[in-house]
Amino acid sequence: MFDTQLRLLVDRPLNFVAVRVARVGPSADCLTLSGAMVAIGAAAAVAGGYMPLALALIVASRVFDGLDGAVARINGPTAWGGYLDSIADYVFYVSIPVAFGLADPDNLLPALLLVASFTITAVSFLAFAAIAALRVQDKNDNLPKAFIYSTGLMEGGETIGFFVLFCVFPSAFPALAFTFAALCLLTVMQRVWLASKQFA
């Protein structure tokens, strides 16, 4: 929901850094994989109860996630890079709730429901993107991005926001996770409605 506004704030400094990173040589794919590894480190910190470290690693993993796309736009995006980026994103999205579930037995049910809601949200997003891409490709072979994005109530910015709240208020994880899961399901309903208007 807030991703477009957030990009207005972060794109300029991100592109500034990306130009310099691209000159040094790390590829976008290397940055993507680094971000995924940092996300796994964040999950390990959550499971161990090291919340300040987890919070720092969550932020770092999202910096890598933004930087890989900026470097890819400079060097030339690839289909493989888009695929790898999606896998890395969902490593991040799933590992953090799972880690909270492992950290405290009281977190297990809300963590499972949150992962389930992420799964359904991911399917609603990826299925929409795949079908929309096929329809666009029938008209024009040159797609500007790896995915055609369908906006929704819960997007990347909101996910990061909730993950930050999880780390700052770990005892509130169950309530926050149930709230987040409900908002994810509303996002699915929103995308289903959008798909019915565009594809039916």
C-alpha atoms as a PDB file:
ATOM      1  CA  MET A   1       0.000   0.000   0.000  1.00  0.00           C
ATOM      2  CA  PHE A   2       2.827   2.406   0.881  1.00  0.00           C
ATOM      3  CA  ASP A   3       5.472   0.950  -1.442  1.00  0.00           C
ATOM      4  CA  THR A   4       5.094   3.653  -4.103  1.00  0.00           C
ATOM      5  CA  GLN A   5       5.550   6.435  -1.547  1.00  0.00           C
ATOM      6  CA  LEU A   6       8.485   4.632   0.076  1.00  0.00           C
ATOM      7  CA  ARG A   7      10.227   4.268  -3.265  1.00  0.00           C
ATOM      8  CA  LEU A   8      10.082   8.032  -3.721  1.00  0.00           C
ATOM      9  CA  LEU A   9      12.104   8.339  -0.513  1.00  0.00           C
ATOM     10  CA  VAL A  10      14.627   5.533  -1.010  1.00  0.00           C
ATOM     11  CA  ASP A  11      15.205   5.351  -4.772  1.00  0.00           C
ATOM     12  CA  ARG A  12      17.523   8.334  -5.037  1.00  0.00           C
ATOM     13  CA  PRO A  13      19.987   7.350  -2.259  1.00  0.00           C
ATOM     14  CA  LEU A  14      19.705   3.695  -3.337  1.00  0.00           C
ATOM     15  CA  ASN A  15      20.610   4.547  -6.930  1.00  0.00           C
ATOM     16  CA  PHE A  16      23.503   6.708  -5.687  1.00  0.00           C
ATOM     17  CA  VAL A  17      24.954   3.718  -3.835  1.00  0.00           C
ATOM     18  CA  ALA A  18      24.104   1.293  -6.656  1.00  0.00           C
ATOM     19  CA  VAL A  19      26.163   3.220  -9.217  1.00  0.00           C
ATOM     20  CA  ARG A  20      29.220   2.895  -6.993  1.00  0.00           C
ATOM     21  CA  VAL A  21      28.566  -0.745  -6.150  1.00  0.00           C
ATOM     22  CA  ALA A  22      28.150  -1.577  -9.847  1.00  0.00           C
ATOM     23  CA  ARG A  23      31.566  -0.050 -10.552  1.00  0.00           C
ATOM     24  CA  VAL A  24      33.247  -2.210  -7.902  1.00  0.00           C
ATOM     25  CA  GLY A  25      31.823  -5.380  -9.351  1.00  0.00           C
ATOM     26  CA  PRO A  26      29.392  -7.315  -7.115  1.00  0.00           C
ATOM     27  CA  SER A  27      26.620  -8.580  -9.374  1.00  0.00           C
ATOM     28  CA  ALA A  28      22.951  -8.116  -8.657  1.00  0.00           C
ATOM     29  CA  ASP A  29      22.654 -11.891  -8.165  1.00  0.00           C
ATOM     30  CA  CYS A  30      25.474 -11.816  -5.589  1.00  0.00           C
ATOM     31  CA  LEU A  31      23.648  -9.057  -3.711  1.00  0.00           C
ATOM     32  CA  THR A  32      20.402 -11.040  -3.846  1.00  0.00           C
ATOM     33  CA  LEU A  33      22.044 -14.123  -2.371  1.00  0.00           C
ATOM     34  CA  SER A  34      23.805 -12.014   0.260  1.00  0.00           C
ATOM     35  CA  GLY A  35      20.474 -10.524   1.275  1.00  0.00           C
ATOM     36  CA  ALA A  36      18.949 -13.988   1.630  1.00  0.00           C
ATOM     37  CA  MET A  37      21.851 -15.135   3.818  1.00  0.00           C
ATOM     38  CA  VAL A  38      21.515 -12.041   6.003  1.00  0.00           C
ATOM     39  CA  ALA A  39      17.768 -12.770   6.324  1.00  0.00           C
ATOM     40  CA  ILE A  40      18.558 -16.297   7.512  1.00  0.00           C
ATOM     41  CA  GLY A  41      20.991 -14.763  10.010  1.00  0.00           C
ATOM     42  CA  ALA A  42      18.192 -12.482  11.204  1.00  0.00           C
ATOM     43  CA  ALA A  43      15.932 -15.500  11.682  1.00  0.00           C
ATOM     44  CA  ALA A  44      18.662 -17.250  13.695  1.00  0.00           C
ATOM     45  CA  ALA A  45      18.987 -14.150  15.889  1.00  0.00           C
ATOM     46  CA  VAL A  46      15.209 -14.113  16.457  1.00  0.00           C
ATOM     47  CA  ALA A  47      15.187 -17.806  17.389  1.00  0.00           C
ATOM     48  CA  GLY A  48      18.012 -17.148  19.849  1.00  0.00           C
ATOM     49  CA  GLY A  49      16.249 -14.166  21.396  1.00  0.00           C
ATOM     50  CA  TYR A  50      18.760 -11.564  20.186  1.00  0.00           C
ATOM     51  CA  MET A  51      16.188  -9.006  19.057  1.00  0.00           C
ATOM     52  CA  PRO A  52      18.441  -5.927  18.571  1.00  0.00           C
ATOM     53  CA  LEU A  53      20.729  -8.016  16.335  1.00  0.00           C
ATOM     54  CA  ALA A  54      17.716  -9.472  14.519  1.00  0.00           C
ATOM     55  CA  LEU A  55      16.357  -5.986  13.865  1.00  0.00           C
ATOM     56  CA  ALA A  56      19.699  -4.793  12.468  1.00  0.00           C
ATOM     57  CA  LEU A  57      19.965  -7.843  10.203  1.00  0.00           C
ATOM     58  CA  ILE A  58      16.372  -7.435   8.972  1.00  0.00           C
ATOM     59  CA  VAL A  59      17.147  -3.865   7.937  1.00  0.00           C
ATOM     60  CA  ALA A  60      20.420  -4.964   6.322  1.00  0.00           C
ATOM     61  CA  SER A  61      18.708  -7.728   4.358  1.00  0.00           C
ATOM     62  CA  ARG A  62      16.201  -5.232   2.964  1.00  0.00           C
ATOM     63  CA  VAL A  63      19.020  -2.886   1.963  1.00  0.00           C
ATOM     64  CA  PHE A  64      20.526  -5.750  -0.046  1.00  0.00           C
ATOM     65  CA  ASP A  65      17.084  -6.446  -1.508  1.00  0.00           C
ATOM     66  CA  GLY A  66      16.715  -2.870  -2.716  1.00  0.00           C
ATOM     67  CA  LEU A  67      20.307  -2.613  -3.893  1.00  0.00           C
ATOM     68  CA  ASP A  68      20.210  -5.738  -6.056  1.00  0.00           C
ATOM     69  CA  GLY A  69      17.359  -4.327  -8.142  1.00  0.00           C
ATOM     70  CA  ALA A  70      19.099  -0.971  -8.534  1.00  0.00           C
ATOM     71  CA  VAL A  71      22.345  -2.653  -9.645  1.00  0.00           C
ATOM     72  CA  ALA A  72      20.389  -4.906 -12.024  1.00  0.00           C
ATOM     73  CA  ARG A  73      18.821  -1.856 -13.679  1.00  0.00           C
ATOM     74  CA  ILE A  74      22.318  -0.440 -14.248  1.00  0.00           C
ATOM     75  CA  ASN A  75      23.907  -3.647 -15.567  1.00  0.00           C
ATOM     76  CA  GLY A  76      20.815  -4.979 -17.321  1.00  0.00           C
ATOM     77  CA  PRO A  77      18.130  -7.074 -15.611  1.00  0.00           C
ATOM     78  CA  THR A  78      17.787 -10.776 -16.386  1.00  0.00           C
ATOM     79  CA  ALA A  79      14.955 -13.277 -16.045  1.00  0.00           C
ATOM     80  CA  TRP A  80      17.186 -15.393 -13.780  1.00  0.00           C
ATOM     81  CA  GLY A  81      17.805 -12.383 -11.545  1.00  0.00           C
ATOM     82  CA  GLY A  82      14.073 -11.719 -11.243  1.00  0.00           C
ATOM     83  CA  TYR A  83      13.453 -15.361 -10.366  1.00  0.00           C
ATOM     84  CA  LEU A  84      16.273 -15.427  -7.796  1.00  0.00           C
ATOM     85  CA  ASP A  85      15.040 -12.201  -6.230  1.00  0.00           C
ATOM     86  CA  SER A  86      11.558 -13.660  -5.721  1.00  0.00           C
ATOM     87  CA  ILE A  87      12.965 -16.773  -4.033  1.00  0.00           C
ATOM     88  CA  ALA A  88      15.147 -14.628  -1.766  1.00  0.00           C
ATOM     89  CA  ASP A  89      12.170 -12.448  -0.819  1.00  0.00           C
ATOM     90  CA  TYR A  90      10.157 -15.437   0.334  1.00  0.00           C
ATOM     91  CA  VAL A  91      13.112 -16.851   2.253  1.00  0.00           C
ATOM     92  CA  PHE A  92      12.940 -13.593   4.200  1.00  0.00           C
ATOM     93  CA  TYR A  93       9.147 -13.527   4.523  1.00  0.00           C
ATOM     94  CA  VAL A  94       8.903 -17.111   5.814  1.00  0.00           C
ATOM     95  CA  SER A  95      12.053 -17.446   7.927  1.00  0.00           C
ATOM     96  CA  ILE A  96      11.270 -14.595  10.329  1.00  0.00           C
ATOM     97  CA  PRO A  97       7.805 -15.836  11.423  1.00  0.00           C
ATOM     98  CA  VAL A  98       9.131 -19.408  11.661  1.00  0.00           C
ATOM     99  CA  ALA A  99      11.930 -18.146  13.903  1.00  0.00           C
ATOM    100  CA  PHE A 100       9.424 -16.440  16.210  1.00  0.00           C
ATOM    101  CA  GLY A 101       7.481 -19.709  16.345  1.00  0.00           C
ATOM    102  CA  LEU A 102      10.631 -21.543  17.372  1.00  0.00           C
ATOM    103  CA  ALA A 103      11.580 -18.908  19.934  1.00  0.00           C
ATOM    104  CA  ASP A 104       8.445 -19.309  22.072  1.00  0.00           C
ATOM    105  CA  PRO A 105       5.793 -22.076  22.109  1.00  0.00           C
ATOM    106  CA  ASP A 106       3.104 -19.390  22.532  1.00  0.00           C
ATOM    107  CA  ASN A 107       4.143 -18.001  19.139  1.00  0.00           C
ATOM    108  CA  LEU A 108       3.749 -21.270  17.247  1.00  0.00           C
ATOM    109  CA  LEU A 109       0.092 -21.012  16.200  1.00  0.00           C
ATOM    110  CA  PRO A 110       0.216 -17.351  15.134  1.00  0.00           C
ATOM    111  CA  ALA A 111       3.489 -18.042  13.284  1.00  0.00           C
ATOM    112  CA  LEU A 112       1.899 -20.955  11.393  1.00  0.00           C
ATOM    113  CA  LEU A 113      -1.138 -18.866  10.480  1.00  0.00           C
ATOM    114  CA  LEU A 114       1.092 -16.030   9.332  1.00  0.00           C
ATOM    115  CA  VAL A 115       3.167 -18.329   7.108  1.00  0.00           C
ATOM    116  CA  ALA A 116      -0.062 -19.796   5.697  1.00  0.00           C
ATOM    117  CA  SER A 117      -1.372 -16.305   4.943  1.00  0.00           C
ATOM    118  CA  PHE A 118       1.945 -15.430   3.259  1.00  0.00           C
ATOM    119  CA  THR A 119       1.613 -18.551   1.103  1.00  0.00           C
ATOM    120  CA  ILE A 120      -1.880 -17.639  -0.078  1.00  0.00           C
ATOM    121  CA  THR A 121      -0.836 -14.020  -0.628  1.00  0.00           C
ATOM    122  CA  ALA A 122       2.178 -15.170  -2.653  1.00  0.00           C
ATOM    123  CA  VAL A 123       0.005 -17.382  -4.848  1.00  0.00           C
ATOM    124  CA  SER A 124      -2.440 -14.521  -5.445  1.00  0.00           C
ATOM    125  CA  PHE A 125       0.459 -12.249  -6.425  1.00  0.00           C
ATOM    126  CA  LEU A 126       2.424 -14.691  -8.586  1.00  0.00           C
ATOM    127  CA  ALA A 127      -0.613 -16.101 -10.378  1.00  0.00           C
ATOM    128  CA  PHE A 128      -1.797 -12.583 -11.192  1.00  0.00           C
ATOM    129  CA  ALA A 129       1.679 -11.601 -12.406  1.00  0.00           C
ATOM    130  CA  ALA A 130       2.027 -14.712 -14.603  1.00  0.00           C
ATOM    131  CA  ILE A 131      -1.342 -14.328 -16.292  1.00  0.00           C
ATOM    132  CA  ALA A 132      -0.941 -10.570 -16.716  1.00  0.00           C
ATOM    133  CA  ALA A 133       2.509 -11.089 -18.261  1.00  0.00           C
ATOM    134  CA  LEU A 134       1.114 -13.559 -20.801  1.00  0.00           C
ATOM    135  CA  ARG A 135      -1.619 -11.124 -21.777  1.00  0.00           C
ATOM    136  CA  VAL A 136       0.870  -8.267 -22.164  1.00  0.00           C
ATOM    137  CA  GLN A 137       3.344 -10.452 -24.056  1.00  0.00           C
ATOM    138  CA  ASP A 138       0.676 -11.207 -26.625  1.00  0.00           C
ATOM    139  CA  LYS A 139       0.718  -7.484 -27.436  1.00  0.00           C
ATOM    140  CA  ASN A 140       4.374  -6.597 -26.788  1.00  0.00           C
ATOM    141  CA  ASP A 141       7.392  -8.863 -26.363  1.00  0.00           C
ATOM    142  CA  ASN A 142       9.355  -6.303 -24.309  1.00  0.00           C
ATOM    143  CA  LEU A 143       8.349  -6.431 -20.659  1.00  0.00           C
ATOM    144  CA  PRO A 144       9.889  -3.641 -18.528  1.00  0.00           C
ATOM    145  CA  LYS A 145      10.133  -5.695 -15.321  1.00  0.00           C
ATOM    146  CA  ALA A 146      10.481  -9.295 -14.233  1.00  0.00           C
ATOM    147  CA  PHE A 147       6.931  -9.169 -12.832  1.00  0.00           C
ATOM    148  CA  ILE A 148       3.770  -7.220 -13.445  1.00  0.00           C
ATOM    149  CA  TYR A 149       2.879  -6.077  -9.957  1.00  0.00           C
ATOM    150  CA  SER A 150      -0.623  -6.000  -8.552  1.00  0.00           C
ATOM    151  CA  THR A 151      -0.882  -3.557  -5.696  1.00  0.00           C
ATOM    152  CA  GLY A 152      -2.463  -4.628  -2.435  1.00  0.00           C
ATOM    153  CA  LEU A 153      -3.140  -3.660   1.144  1.00  0.00           C
ATOM    154  CA  MET A 154      -0.082  -5.594   2.395  1.00  0.00           C
ATOM    155  CA  GLU A 155       3.088  -5.189   0.352  1.00  0.00           C
ATOM    156  CA  GLY A 156       6.812  -5.111   1.033  1.00  0.00           C
ATOM    157  CA  GLY A 157       6.851  -1.926   3.080  1.00  0.00           C
ATOM    158  CA  GLU A 158       4.085  -3.100   5.372  1.00  0.00           C
ATOM    159  CA  THR A 159       5.816  -6.464   5.817  1.00  0.00           C
ATOM    160  CA  ILE A 160       9.055  -4.802   6.896  1.00  0.00           C
ATOM    161  CA  GLY A 161       7.090  -2.572   9.254  1.00  0.00           C
ATOM    162  CA  PHE A 162       5.447  -5.538  10.961  1.00  0.00           C
ATOM    163  CA  PHE A 163       8.746  -7.422  11.177  1.00  0.00           C
ATOM    164  CA  VAL A 164      10.307  -4.406  12.880  1.00  0.00           C
ATOM    165  CA  LEU A 165       7.393  -4.321  15.336  1.00  0.00           C
ATOM    166  CA  PHE A 166       7.897  -8.044  16.015  1.00  0.00           C
ATOM    167  CA  CYS A 167      11.482  -7.353  17.070  1.00  0.00           C
ATOM    168  CA  VAL A 168      10.744  -4.211  19.070  1.00  0.00           C
ATOM    169  CA  PHE A 169       7.761  -5.774  20.874  1.00  0.00           C
ATOM    170  CA  PRO A 170       8.459  -9.536  20.831  1.00  0.00           C
ATOM    171  CA  SER A 171       5.895 -10.262  23.560  1.00  0.00           C
ATOM    172  CA  ALA A 172       3.214  -8.804  21.288  1.00  0.00           C
ATOM    173  CA  PHE A 173       4.082 -11.190  18.444  1.00  0.00           C
ATOM    174  CA  PRO A 174       0.871 -13.272  18.680  1.00  0.00           C
ATOM    175  CA  ALA A 175      -1.443 -10.252  18.457  1.00  0.00           C
ATOM    176  CA  LEU A 176       0.652  -8.611  15.732  1.00  0.00           C
ATOM    177  CA  ALA A 177       0.891 -11.863  13.739  1.00  0.00           C
ATOM    178  CA  PHE A 178      -2.884 -12.478  13.879  1.00  0.00           C
ATOM    179  CA  THR A 179      -3.469  -8.893  12.736  1.00  0.00           C
ATOM    180  CA  PHE A 180      -0.938  -9.220   9.930  1.00  0.00           C
ATOM    181  CA  ALA A 181      -2.424 -12.537   8.777  1.00  0.00           C
ATOM    182  CA  ALA A 182      -5.906 -11.015   8.637  1.00  0.00           C
ATOM    183  CA  LEU A 183      -4.619  -8.076   6.578  1.00  0.00           C
ATOM    184  CA  CYS A 184      -2.866 -10.511   4.224  1.00  0.00           C
ATOM    185  CA  LEU A 185      -6.147 -12.334   3.641  1.00  0.00           C
ATOM    186  CA  LEU A 186      -7.814  -8.999   2.870  1.00  0.00           C
ATOM    187  CA  THR A 187      -5.051  -8.423   0.328  1.00  0.00           C
ATOM    188  CA  VAL A 188      -5.843 -11.789  -1.283  1.00  0.00           C
ATOM    189  CA  MET A 189      -9.506 -10.817  -1.531  1.00  0.00           C
ATOM    190  CA  GLN A 190      -8.479  -7.501  -3.079  1.00  0.00           C
ATOM    191  CA  ARG A 191      -6.348  -9.247  -5.711  1.00  0.00           C
ATOM    192  CA  VAL A 192      -9.076 -11.794  -6.478  1.00  0.00           C
ATOM    193  CA  TRP A 193     -11.475  -8.917  -7.094  1.00  0.00           C
ATOM    194  CA  LEU A 194      -8.905  -7.175  -9.312  1.00  0.00           C
ATOM    195  CA  ALA A 195      -8.268 -10.391 -11.250  1.00  0.00           C
ATOM    196  CA  SER A 196     -12.008 -10.902 -11.772  1.00  0.00           C
ATOM    197  CA  LYS A 197     -12.209  -7.456 -13.333  1.00  0.00           C
ATOM    198  CA  GLN A 198      -9.180  -7.898 -15.594  1.00  0.00           C
ATOM    199  CA  PHE A 199      -9.256 -11.585 -16.527  1.00  0.00           C
ATOM    200  CA  ALA A 200     -12.904 -12.671 -16.432  1.00  0.00           C
END
